């Protein structure tokens, strides 16, 4: 199977972290920033993939030394995530049926197994695929005063994760239509769903956490340490 294109939006400011720099540059584990860990995980699964990294034009923290890929390019990030991904799609020299996988830079705990499973599903399902996790908790509907007004059935509900993978032409068309209709989409799957397509849900690991708030940083570091401790050493 050929290698995919990888798009990593990394132009966000991460203001909810309350840090002095964007969250992707905060040190996580082994004295490396989140961005470096995320790219290393992607590279471990797809060492020959082509990477498109979306960065803010005024980014003063990024170092090319954190990129392990040989074939990669930097493109300007947009105001919203979908704008960054579209910038990447427009800059890529891709074929219609090439698989494009989009992964949050703030999910550094992604495993090679989940990456390969998602790529396999995206390559075989015409509407693409996304990593997701079945909802396990009781779901409550709140009102404007943060009062619990009812319990929502959780049957069929999933937490959307990343990566999400689609054929190049489908993803580009979906996001271009969303932009034309002035529709803000928070993930690629929702843009594809708006076309009437139904991407495949691929059950992913629960430790594929997203670093959004300050306490997530310690959680992600603990997860990565545990993953490293349970990874069997390769024999010579």
Foldseek 3Di string as FASTA:
>chain_A
DDAAEEEEEDADFLVQAVDPGRQQQDQFAPRGGLLLLQQVQVCVQGVAHAYEYEYAPPDPRDDPVSHNHPHYYYFHADPANLRSVLRRLVPDPDDQQGKYWYAYSQQSLAHSVVVVVQVVQQNPDQLWEFEKAQDDDWAFDADPVRDGDDTDDRVPPIGTHDTTMHGSNLQNVLSVVCVVVVHDDRDSSVSSVVVVDDHHYDYDDPLSDGPRYNVVSNSVSVSVVVVVVPDDDDDD
